[in-house]
Amino acid sequence: RELHVKTKKIKRVDMQLVMLNDKYDEVGRFSIYKAF
């Protein structure tokens, strides 16, 4: 909905998809840039 508010700039965000192992330790991540 914020995309269509004329007074607001389109908000692009960076996202991280973090993969965890069976002990919930991070094993890798996908960095996703300028998402909307």
PDB file of all heavy atoms in Angstrom:
ATOM      1  N   ARG A   1       0.836  -1.216   0.000  1.00  0.00           N
ATOM      2  CA  ARG A   1       0.000   0.000   0.000  1.00  0.00           C
ATOM      3  C   ARG A   1       0.862   1.254   0.000  1.00  0.00           C
ATOM      4  O   ARG A   1       0.489   2.268  -0.582  1.00  0.00           O
ATOM      5  CB  ARG A   1      -0.942   0.015   1.211  1.00  0.00           C
ATOM      6  CG  ARG A   1      -2.087  -0.958   1.123  1.00  0.00           C
ATOM      7  CD  ARG A   1      -3.104  -0.611   0.076  1.00  0.00           C
ATOM      8  NE  ARG A   1      -3.712   0.671   0.382  1.00  0.00           N
ATOM      9  CZ  ARG A   1      -4.218   1.480  -0.522  1.00  0.00           C
ATOM     10  NH1 ARG A   1      -4.229   1.134  -1.777  1.00  0.00           N
ATOM     11  NH2 ARG A   1      -4.741   2.623  -0.193  1.00  0.00           N
ATOM     12  N   GLU A   2       2.023   1.193   0.651  1.00  0.00           N
ATOM     13  CA  GLU A   2       2.912   2.362   0.702  1.00  0.00           C
ATOM     14  C   GLU A   2       3.443   2.750  -0.674  1.00  0.00           C
ATOM     15  O   GLU A   2       3.848   3.888  -0.884  1.00  0.00           O
ATOM     16  CB  GLU A   2       4.083   2.094   1.655  1.00  0.00           C
ATOM     17  CG  GLU A   2       3.692   2.135   3.109  1.00  0.00           C
ATOM     18  CD  GLU A   2       4.866   1.881   4.035  1.00  0.00           C
ATOM     19  OE1 GLU A   2       6.001   1.678   3.553  1.00  0.00           O
ATOM     20  OE2 GLU A   2       4.641   1.875   5.251  1.00  0.00           O
ATOM     21  N   LEU A   3       3.430   1.819  -1.632  1.00  0.00           N
ATOM     22  CA  LEU A   3       3.884   2.138  -2.991  1.00  0.00           C
ATOM     23  C   LEU A   3       2.993   3.180  -3.647  1.00  0.00           C
ATOM     24  O   LEU A   3       3.433   3.906  -4.537  1.00  0.00           O
ATOM     25  CB  LEU A   3       3.872   0.884  -3.874  1.00  0.00           C
ATOM     26  CG  LEU A   3       4.935  -0.155  -3.655  1.00  0.00           C
ATOM     27  CD1 LEU A   3       4.707  -1.332  -4.584  1.00  0.00           C
ATOM     28  CD2 LEU A   3       6.319   0.410  -3.871  1.00  0.00           C
ATOM     29  N   HIS A   4       1.747   3.264  -3.222  1.00  0.00           N
ATOM     30  CA  HIS A   4       0.770   4.104  -3.897  1.00  0.00           C
ATOM     31  C   HIS A   4       0.404   5.368  -3.121  1.00  0.00           C
ATOM     32  O   HIS A   4      -0.538   6.050  -3.481  1.00  0.00           O
ATOM     33  CB  HIS A   4      -0.478   3.279  -4.214  1.00  0.00           C
ATOM     34  CG  HIS A   4      -0.148   2.083  -5.053  1.00  0.00           C
ATOM     35  ND1 HIS A   4       0.177   2.174  -6.370  1.00  0.00           N
ATOM     36  CD2 HIS A   4      -0.031   0.773  -4.723  1.00  0.00           C
ATOM     37  CE1 HIS A   4       0.457   0.975  -6.844  1.00  0.00           C
ATOM     38  NE2 HIS A   4       0.341   0.105  -5.862  1.00  0.00           N
ATOM     39  N   VAL A   5       1.155   5.659  -2.084  1.00  0.00           N
ATOM     40  CA  VAL A   5       0.961   6.903  -1.348  1.00  0.00           C
ATOM     41  C   VAL A   5       1.826   7.964  -2.029  1.00  0.00           C
ATOM     42  O   VAL A   5       3.048   7.843  -2.078  1.00  0.00           O
ATOM     43  CB  VAL A   5       1.348   6.739   0.142  1.00  0.00           C
ATOM     44  CG1 VAL A   5       1.225   8.066   0.872  1.00  0.00           C
ATOM     45  CG2 VAL A   5       0.485   5.672   0.799  1.00  0.00           C
ATOM     46  N   LYS A   6       1.189   8.971  -2.569  1.00  0.00           N
ATOM     47  CA  LYS A   6       1.899   9.959  -3.388  1.00  0.00           C
ATOM     48  C   LYS A   6       2.965  10.715  -2.619  1.00  0.00           C
ATOM     49  O   LYS A   6       3.946  11.162  -3.189  1.00  0.00           O
ATOM     50  CB  LYS A   6       0.905  10.956  -3.992  1.00  0.00           C
ATOM     51  CG  LYS A   6       0.016  10.345  -5.040  1.00  0.00           C
ATOM     52  CD  LYS A   6      -0.923  11.367  -5.612  1.00  0.00           C
ATOM     53  CE  LYS A   6      -1.826  10.707  -6.646  1.00  0.00           C
ATOM     54  NZ  LYS A   6      -2.764  11.651  -7.244  1.00  0.00           N
ATOM     55  N   THR A   7       2.770  10.892  -1.329  1.00  0.00           N
ATOM     56  CA  THR A   7       3.715  11.682  -0.541  1.00  0.00           C
ATOM     57  C   THR A   7       4.928  10.870  -0.099  1.00  0.00           C
ATOM     58  O   THR A   7       5.860  11.428   0.458  1.00  0.00           O
ATOM     59  CB  THR A   7       3.024  12.254   0.712  1.00  0.00           C
ATOM     60  OG1 THR A   7       2.494  11.164   1.477  1.00  0.00           O
ATOM     61  CG2 THR A   7       1.921  13.222   0.326  1.00  0.00           C
ATOM     62  N   LYS A   8       4.926   9.562  -0.334  1.00  0.00           N
ATOM     63  CA  LYS A   8       6.051   8.722   0.098  1.00  0.00           C
ATOM     64  C   LYS A   8       6.864   8.261  -1.104  1.00  0.00           C
ATOM     65  O   LYS A   8       6.331   7.986  -2.167  1.00  0.00           O
ATOM     66  CB  LYS A   8       5.557   7.497   0.863  1.00  0.00           C
ATOM     67  CG  LYS A   8       4.986   7.816   2.217  1.00  0.00           C
ATOM     68  CD  LYS A   8       4.760   6.546   3.003  1.00  0.00           C
ATOM     69  CE  LYS A   8       4.292   6.888   4.401  1.00  0.00           C
ATOM     70  NZ  LYS A   8       4.168   5.707   5.218  1.00  0.00           N
ATOM     71  N   LYS A   9       8.157   8.181  -0.894  1.00  0.00           N
ATOM     72  CA  LYS A   9       9.065   7.659  -1.906  1.00  0.00           C
ATOM     73  C   LYS A   9       8.988   6.129  -1.865  1.00  0.00           C
ATOM     74  O   LYS A   9       8.806   5.541  -0.800  1.00  0.00           O
ATOM     75  CB  LYS A   9      10.487   8.124  -1.583  1.00  0.00           C
ATOM     76  CG  LYS A   9      11.525   7.704  -2.577  1.00  0.00           C
ATOM     77  CD  LYS A   9      12.895   8.252  -2.164  1.00  0.00           C
ATOM     78  CE  LYS A   9      13.934   7.736  -3.129  1.00  0.00           C
ATOM     79  NZ  LYS A   9      15.274   8.156  -2.737  1.00  0.00           N
ATOM     80  N   ILE A  10       9.116   5.485  -3.033  1.00  0.00           N
ATOM     81  CA  ILE A  10       9.096   4.023  -3.068  1.00  0.00           C
ATOM     82  C   ILE A  10      10.245   3.493  -2.227  1.00  0.00           C
ATOM     83  O   ILE A  10      11.395   3.889  -2.420  1.00  0.00           O
ATOM     84  CB  ILE A  10       9.184   3.496  -4.516  1.00  0.00           C
ATOM     85  CG1 ILE A  10       7.906   3.856  -5.269  1.00  0.00           C
ATOM     86  CG2 ILE A  10       9.405   1.985  -4.534  1.00  0.00           C
ATOM     87  CD1 ILE A  10       7.918   3.468  -6.729  1.00  0.00           C
ATOM     88  N   LYS A  11       9.905   2.632  -1.295  1.00  0.00           N
ATOM     89  CA  LYS A  11      10.889   2.120  -0.342  1.00  0.00           C
ATOM     90  C   LYS A  11      11.470   0.806  -0.846  1.00  0.00           C
ATOM     91  O   LYS A  11      10.786  -0.209  -0.897  1.00  0.00           O
ATOM     92  CB  LYS A  11      10.215   1.917   1.020  1.00  0.00           C
ATOM     93  CG  LYS A  11      11.136   1.474   2.105  1.00  0.00           C
ATOM     94  CD  LYS A  11      10.383   1.338   3.410  1.00  0.00           C
ATOM     95  CE  LYS A  11      11.270   0.813   4.491  1.00  0.00           C
ATOM     96  NZ  LYS A  11      10.517   0.624   5.742  1.00  0.00           N
ATOM     97  N   ARG A  12      12.742   0.830  -1.246  1.00  0.00           N
ATOM     98  CA  ARG A  12      13.461  -0.382  -1.632  1.00  0.00           C
ATOM     99  C   ARG A  12      14.298  -0.811  -0.435  1.00  0.00           C
ATOM    100  O   ARG A  12      14.944   0.022   0.196  1.00  0.00           O
ATOM    101  CB  ARG A  12      14.378  -0.120  -2.823  1.00  0.00           C
ATOM    102  CG  ARG A  12      13.631   0.128  -4.126  1.00  0.00           C
ATOM    103  CD  ARG A  12      14.631   0.489  -5.220  1.00  0.00           C
ATOM    104  NE  ARG A  12      13.996   0.487  -6.518  1.00  0.00           N
ATOM    105  CZ  ARG A  12      14.285  -0.387  -7.477  1.00  0.00           C
ATOM    106  NH1 ARG A  12      15.185  -1.322  -7.274  1.00  0.00           N
ATOM    107  NH2 ARG A  12      13.674  -0.330  -8.629  1.00  0.00           N
ATOM    108  N   VAL A  13      14.287  -2.095  -0.151  1.00  0.00           N
ATOM    109  CA  VAL A  13      15.034  -2.595   1.002  1.00  0.00           C
ATOM    110  C   VAL A  13      15.966  -3.730   0.573  1.00  0.00           C
ATOM    111  O   VAL A  13      15.720  -4.403  -0.425  1.00  0.00           O
ATOM    112  CB  VAL A  13      14.103  -3.094   2.132  1.00  0.00           C
ATOM    113  CG1 VAL A  13      13.239  -1.973   2.667  1.00  0.00           C
ATOM    114  CG2 VAL A  13      13.241  -4.244   1.670  1.00  0.00           C
ATOM    115  N   ASP A  14      17.025  -3.908   1.332  1.00  0.00           N
ATOM    116  CA  ASP A  14      17.893  -5.059   1.150  1.00  0.00           C
ATOM    117  C   ASP A  14      17.402  -6.157   2.080  1.00  0.00           C
ATOM    118  O   ASP A  14      16.983  -5.883   3.212  1.00  0.00           O
ATOM    119  CB  ASP A  14      19.344  -4.707   1.465  1.00  0.00           C
ATOM    120  CG  ASP A  14      19.929  -3.726   0.456  1.00  0.00           C
ATOM    121  OD1 ASP A  14      19.360  -3.591  -0.644  1.00  0.00           O
ATOM    122  OD2 ASP A  14      20.964  -3.115   0.760  1.00  0.00           O
ATOM    123  N   MET A  15      17.428  -7.384   1.592  1.00  0.00           N
ATOM    124  CA  MET A  15      16.932  -8.532   2.347  1.00  0.00           C
ATOM    125  C   MET A  15      18.024  -9.591   2.429  1.00  0.00           C
ATOM    126  O   MET A  15      18.889  -9.656   1.558  1.00  0.00           O
ATOM    127  CB  MET A  15      15.703  -9.130   1.657  1.00  0.00           C
ATOM    128  CG  MET A  15      14.573  -8.148   1.475  1.00  0.00           C
ATOM    129  SD  MET A  15      13.265  -8.706   0.347  1.00  0.00           S
ATOM    130  CE  MET A  15      12.814 -10.255   1.019  1.00  0.00           C
ATOM    131  N   GLN A  16      17.968 -10.399   3.462  1.00  0.00           N
ATOM    132  CA  GLN A  16      18.907 -11.497   3.636  1.00  0.00           C
ATOM    133  C   GLN A  16      18.110 -12.771   3.899  1.00  0.00           C
ATOM    134  O   GLN A  16      17.300 -12.808   4.821  1.00  0.00           O
ATOM    135  CB  GLN A  16      19.829 -11.250   4.839  1.00  0.00           C
ATOM    136  CG  GLN A  16      20.556  -9.925   4.815  1.00  0.00           C
ATOM    137  CD  GLN A  16      21.662  -9.925   3.796  1.00  0.00           C
ATOM    138  OE1 GLN A  16      22.375 -10.901   3.629  1.00  0.00           O
ATOM    139  NE2 GLN A  16      21.802  -8.825   3.085  1.00  0.00           N
ATOM    140  N   LEU A  17      18.328 -13.795   3.082  1.00  0.00           N
ATOM    141  CA  LEU A  17      17.758 -15.116   3.329  1.00  0.00           C
ATOM    142  C   LEU A  17      18.888 -15.943   3.923  1.00  0.00           C
ATOM    143  O   LEU A  17      19.852 -16.272   3.237  1.00  0.00           O
ATOM    144  CB  LEU A  17      17.226 -15.742   2.044  1.00  0.00           C
ATOM    145  CG  LEU A  17      16.665 -17.155   2.175  1.00  0.00           C
ATOM    146  CD1 LEU A  17      15.512 -17.194   3.165  1.00  0.00           C
ATOM    147  CD2 LEU A  17      16.224 -17.674   0.823  1.00  0.00           C
ATOM    148  N   VAL A  18      18.788 -16.240   5.207  1.00  0.00           N
ATOM    149  CA  VAL A  18      19.863 -16.890   5.954  1.00  0.00           C
ATOM    150  C   VAL A  18      19.519 -18.363   6.137  1.00  0.00           C
ATOM    151  O   VAL A  18      18.455 -18.699   6.647  1.00  0.00           O
ATOM    152  CB  VAL A  18      20.049 -16.214   7.336  1.00  0.00           C
ATOM    153  CG1 VAL A  18      21.195 -16.851   8.102  1.00  0.00           C
ATOM    154  CG2 VAL A  18      20.256 -14.713   7.171  1.00  0.00           C
ATOM    155  N   MET A  19      20.424 -19.240   5.694  1.00  0.00           N
ATOM    156  CA  MET A  19      20.226 -20.683   5.853  1.00  0.00           C
ATOM    157  C   MET A  19      20.932 -21.156   7.114  1.00  0.00           C
ATOM    158  O   MET A  19      22.067 -20.749   7.390  1.00  0.00           O
ATOM    159  CB  MET A  19      20.751 -21.445   4.635  1.00  0.00           C
ATOM    160  CG  MET A  19      19.802 -21.367   3.477  1.00  0.00           C
ATOM    161  SD  MET A  19      20.430 -20.748   1.927  1.00  0.00           S
ATOM    162  CE  MET A  19      21.951 -20.014   2.180  1.00  0.00           C
ATOM    163  N   LEU A  20      20.244 -22.033   7.867  1.00  0.00           N
ATOM    164  CA  LEU A  20      20.760 -22.527   9.139  1.00  0.00           C
ATOM    165  C   LEU A  20      20.927 -24.041   9.080  1.00  0.00           C
ATOM    166  O   LEU A  20      20.176 -24.725   8.399  1.00  0.00           O
ATOM    167  CB  LEU A  20      19.780 -22.161  10.261  1.00  0.00           C
ATOM    168  CG  LEU A  20      19.355 -20.681  10.322  1.00  0.00           C
ATOM    169  CD1 LEU A  20      18.193 -20.499  11.262  1.00  0.00           C
ATOM    170  CD2 LEU A  20      20.520 -19.818  10.723  1.00  0.00           C
ATOM    171  N   ASN A  21      21.905 -24.563   9.816  1.00  0.00           N
ATOM    172  CA  ASN A  21      22.078 -26.020   9.878  1.00  0.00           C
ATOM    173  C   ASN A  21      21.212 -26.597  10.997  1.00  0.00           C
ATOM    174  O   ASN A  21      20.402 -25.879  11.599  1.00  0.00           O
ATOM    175  CB  ASN A  21      23.558 -26.399  10.028  1.00  0.00           C
ATOM    176  CG  ASN A  21      24.162 -25.925  11.339  1.00  0.00           C
ATOM    177  OD1 ASN A  21      23.461 -25.535  12.274  1.00  0.00           O
ATOM    178  ND2 ASN A  21      25.475 -25.940  11.406  1.00  0.00           N
ATOM    179  N   ASP A  22      21.391 -27.889  11.297  1.00  0.00           N
ATOM    180  CA  ASP A  22      20.546 -28.542  12.299  1.00  0.00           C
ATOM    181  C   ASP A  22      20.778 -28.015  13.710  1.00  0.00           C
ATOM    182  O   ASP A  22      19.963 -28.240  14.603  1.00  0.00           O
ATOM    183  CB  ASP A  22      20.728 -30.070  12.252  1.00  0.00           C
ATOM    184  CG  ASP A  22      22.160 -30.493  12.488  1.00  0.00           C
ATOM    185  OD1 ASP A  22      23.077 -29.677  12.274  1.00  0.00           O
ATOM    186  OD2 ASP A  22      22.367 -31.657  12.872  1.00  0.00           O
ATOM    187  N   LYS A  23      21.872 -27.289  13.938  1.00  0.00           N
ATOM    188  CA  LYS A  23      22.140 -26.669  15.255  1.00  0.00           C
ATOM    189  C   LYS A  23      21.764 -25.187  15.241  1.00  0.00           C
ATOM    190  O   LYS A  23      22.096 -24.458  16.154  1.00  0.00           O
ATOM    191  CB  LYS A  23      23.613 -26.841  15.601  1.00  0.00           C
ATOM    192  CG  LYS A  23      24.010 -28.280  15.788  1.00  0.00           C
ATOM    193  CD  LYS A  23      25.489 -28.394  16.078  1.00  0.00           C
ATOM    194  CE  LYS A  23      25.823 -29.861  16.217  1.00  0.00           C
ATOM    195  NZ  LYS A  23      26.932 -30.285  15.400  1.00  0.00           N
ATOM    196  N   TYR A  24      21.136 -24.755  14.149  1.00  0.00           N
ATOM    197  CA  TYR A  24      20.710 -23.378  13.939  1.00  0.00           C
ATOM    198  C   TYR A  24      21.889 -22.405  13.865  1.00  0.00           C
ATOM    199  O   TYR A  24      21.756 -21.234  14.204  1.00  0.00           O
ATOM    200  CB  TYR A  24      19.681 -22.946  15.000  1.00  0.00           C
ATOM    201  CG  TYR A  24      18.381 -23.681  14.823  1.00  0.00           C
ATOM    202  CD1 TYR A  24      18.136 -24.880  15.515  1.00  0.00           C
ATOM    203  CD2 TYR A  24      17.415 -23.221  13.954  1.00  0.00           C
ATOM    204  CE1 TYR A  24      16.959 -25.578  15.335  1.00  0.00           C
ATOM    205  CE2 TYR A  24      16.235 -23.923  13.767  1.00  0.00           C
ATOM    206  CZ  TYR A  24      16.013 -25.093  14.462  1.00  0.00           C
ATOM    207  OH  TYR A  24      14.852 -25.776  14.267  1.00  0.00           O
ATOM    208  N   ASP A  25      23.041 -22.899  13.383  1.00  0.00           N
ATOM    209  CA  ASP A  25      24.175 -22.038  13.072  1.00  0.00           C
ATOM    210  C   ASP A  25      24.054 -21.626  11.610  1.00  0.00           C
ATOM    211  O   ASP A  25      23.645 -22.422  10.766  1.00  0.00           O
ATOM    212  CB  ASP A  25      25.504 -22.777  13.274  1.00  0.00           C
ATOM    213  CG  ASP A  25      25.725 -23.201  14.717  1.00  0.00           C
ATOM    214  OD1 ASP A  25      25.349 -22.427  15.620  1.00  0.00           O
ATOM    215  OD2 ASP A  25      26.267 -24.308  14.934  1.00  0.00           O
ATOM    216  N   GLU A  26      24.447 -20.412  11.308  1.00  0.00           N
ATOM    217  CA  GLU A  26      24.370 -19.944   9.928  1.00  0.00           C
ATOM    218  C   GLU A  26      25.396 -20.668   9.053  1.00  0.00           C
ATOM    219  O   GLU A  26      26.559 -20.768   9.416  1.00  0.00           O
ATOM    220  CB  GLU A  26      24.621 -18.442   9.872  1.00  0.00           C
ATOM    221  CG  GLU A  26      24.504 -17.883   8.475  1.00  0.00           C
ATOM    222  CD  GLU A  26      24.660 -16.377   8.422  1.00  0.00           C
ATOM    223  OE1 GLU A  26      24.294 -15.692   9.392  1.00  0.00           O
ATOM    224  OE2 GLU A  26      25.159 -15.893   7.394  1.00  0.00           O
ATOM    225  N   VAL A  27      24.937 -21.163   7.890  1.00  0.00           N
ATOM    226  CA  VAL A  27      25.827 -21.830   6.944  1.00  0.00           C
ATOM    227  C   VAL A  27      25.962 -21.046   5.641  1.00  0.00           C
ATOM    228  O   VAL A  27      26.836 -21.344   4.828  1.00  0.00           O
ATOM    229  CB  VAL A  27      25.373 -23.279   6.642  1.00  0.00           C
ATOM    230  CG1 VAL A  27      25.458 -24.125   7.890  1.00  0.00           C
ATOM    231  CG2 VAL A  27      23.980 -23.316   6.060  1.00  0.00           C
ATOM    232  N   GLY A  28      25.136 -20.051   5.437  1.00  0.00           N
ATOM    233  CA  GLY A  28      25.219 -19.226   4.241  1.00  0.00           C
ATOM    234  C   GLY A  28      24.034 -18.287   4.167  1.00  0.00           C
ATOM    235  O   GLY A  28      23.063 -18.431   4.922  1.00  0.00           O
ATOM    236  N   ARG A  29      24.134 -17.325   3.258  1.00  0.00           N
ATOM    237  CA  ARG A  29      23.035 -16.371   3.088  1.00  0.00           C
ATOM    238  C   ARG A  29      22.978 -15.857   1.667  1.00  0.00           C
ATOM    239  O   ARG A  29      23.991 -15.744   0.992  1.00  0.00           O
ATOM    240  CB  ARG A  29      23.129 -15.223   4.082  1.00  0.00           C
ATOM    241  CG  ARG A  29      24.319 -14.340   3.933  1.00  0.00           C
ATOM    242  CD  ARG A  29      24.341 -13.144   4.890  1.00  0.00           C
ATOM    243  NE  ARG A  29      24.078 -13.506   6.257  1.00  0.00           N
ATOM    244  CZ  ARG A  29      23.379 -12.763   7.106  1.00  0.00           C
ATOM    245  NH1 ARG A  29      22.895 -11.606   6.729  1.00  0.00           N
ATOM    246  NH2 ARG A  29      23.163 -13.154   8.336  1.00  0.00           N
ATOM    247  N   PHE A  30      21.758 -15.561   1.233  1.00  0.00           N
ATOM    248  CA  PHE A  30      21.534 -14.874  -0.026  1.00  0.00           C
ATOM    249  C   PHE A  30      21.234 -13.419   0.319  1.00  0.00           C
ATOM    250  O   PHE A  30      20.317 -13.150   1.089  1.00  0.00           O
ATOM    251  CB  PHE A  30      20.338 -15.466  -0.783  1.00  0.00           C
ATOM    252  CG  PHE A  30      20.624 -16.789  -1.426  1.00  0.00           C
ATOM    253  CD1 PHE A  30      20.356 -17.960  -0.757  1.00  0.00           C
ATOM    254  CD2 PHE A  30      21.158 -16.853  -2.707  1.00  0.00           C
ATOM    255  CE1 PHE A  30      20.601 -19.191  -1.348  1.00  0.00           C
ATOM    256  CE2 PHE A  30      21.410 -18.075  -3.303  1.00  0.00           C
ATOM    257  CZ  PHE A  30      21.128 -19.240  -2.623  1.00  0.00           C
ATOM    258  N   SER A  31      22.004 -12.499  -0.226  1.00  0.00           N
ATOM    259  CA  SER A  31      21.734 -11.071  -0.071  1.00  0.00           C
ATOM    260  C   SER A  31      20.916 -10.636  -1.280  1.00  0.00           C
ATOM    261  O   SER A  31      21.335 -10.824  -2.423  1.00  0.00           O
ATOM    262  CB  SER A  31      23.038 -10.279  -0.012  1.00  0.00           C
ATOM    263  OG  SER A  31      23.787 -10.638   1.120  1.00  0.00           O
ATOM    264  N   ILE A  32      19.743 -10.071  -1.030  1.00  0.00           N
ATOM    265  CA  ILE A  32      18.805  -9.670  -2.076  1.00  0.00           C
ATOM    266  C   ILE A  32      18.724  -8.142  -2.019  1.00  0.00           C
ATOM    267  O   ILE A  32      18.360  -7.577  -0.991  1.00  0.00           O
ATOM    268  CB  ILE A  32      17.433 -10.326  -1.841  1.00  0.00           C
ATOM    269  CG1 ILE A  32      17.616 -11.851  -1.840  1.00  0.00           C
ATOM    270  CG2 ILE A  32      16.426  -9.870  -2.872  1.00  0.00           C
ATOM    271  CD1 ILE A  32      16.521 -12.599  -1.155  1.00  0.00           C
ATOM    272  N   TYR A  33      19.081  -7.485  -3.130  1.00  0.00           N
ATOM    273  CA  TYR A  33      19.289  -6.039  -3.103  1.00  0.00           C
ATOM    274  C   TYR A  33      18.161  -5.265  -3.783  1.00  0.00           C
ATOM    275  O   TYR A  33      17.664  -5.651  -4.821  1.00  0.00           O
ATOM    276  CB  TYR A  33      20.612  -5.700  -3.800  1.00  0.00           C
ATOM    277  CG  TYR A  33      21.801  -6.290  -3.086  1.00  0.00           C
ATOM    278  CD1 TYR A  33      22.427  -7.430  -3.569  1.00  0.00           C
ATOM    279  CD2 TYR A  33      22.293  -5.721  -1.917  1.00  0.00           C
ATOM    280  CE1 TYR A  33      23.518  -7.981  -2.919  1.00  0.00           C
ATOM    281  CE2 TYR A  33      23.375  -6.263  -1.254  1.00  0.00           C
ATOM    282  CZ  TYR A  33      23.990  -7.390  -1.763  1.00  0.00           C
ATOM    283  OH  TYR A  33      25.066  -7.936  -1.105  1.00  0.00           O
ATOM    284  N   LYS A  34      17.805  -4.136  -3.140  1.00  0.00           N
ATOM    285  CA  LYS A  34      16.850  -3.145  -3.652  1.00  0.00           C
ATOM    286  C   LYS A  34      15.502  -3.766  -3.992  1.00  0.00           C
ATOM    287  O   LYS A  34      14.990  -3.620  -5.099  1.00  0.00           O
ATOM    288  CB  LYS A  34      17.442  -2.388  -4.824  1.00  0.00           C
ATOM    289  CG  LYS A  34      18.717  -1.669  -4.426  1.00  0.00           C
ATOM    290  CD  LYS A  34      19.150  -0.694  -5.444  1.00  0.00           C
ATOM    291  CE  LYS A  34      20.431  -0.066  -4.913  1.00  0.00           C
ATOM    292  NZ  LYS A  34      20.811   1.109  -5.565  1.00  0.00           N
ATOM    293  N   ALA A  35      14.921  -4.431  -3.025  1.00  0.00           N
ATOM    294  CA  ALA A  35      13.652  -5.138  -3.213  1.00  0.00           C
ATOM    295  C   ALA A  35      12.467  -4.234  -2.890  1.00  0.00           C
ATOM    296  O   ALA A  35      12.540  -3.384  -2.003  1.00  0.00           O
ATOM    297  CB  ALA A  35      13.625  -6.370  -2.318  1.00  0.00           C
ATOM    298  N   PHE A  36      11.379  -4.444  -3.644  1.00  0.00           N
ATOM    299  CA  PHE A  36      10.112  -3.770  -3.341  1.00  0.00           C
ATOM    300  C   PHE A  36       8.975  -4.646  -3.853  1.00  0.00           C
ATOM    301  O   PHE A  36       9.136  -5.411  -4.796  1.00  0.00           O
ATOM    302  CB  PHE A  36      10.045  -2.348  -3.940  1.00  0.00           C
ATOM    303  CG  PHE A  36      10.103  -2.312  -5.433  1.00  0.00           C
ATOM    304  CD1 PHE A  36       8.945  -2.286  -6.193  1.00  0.00           C
ATOM    305  CD2 PHE A  36      11.323  -2.293  -6.090  1.00  0.00           C
ATOM    306  CE1 PHE A  36       8.994  -2.250  -7.572  1.00  0.00           C
ATOM    307  CE2 PHE A  36      11.382  -2.245  -7.474  1.00  0.00           C
ATOM    308  CZ  PHE A  36      10.221  -2.231  -8.212  1.00  0.00           C
TER     309      PHE A  36
END
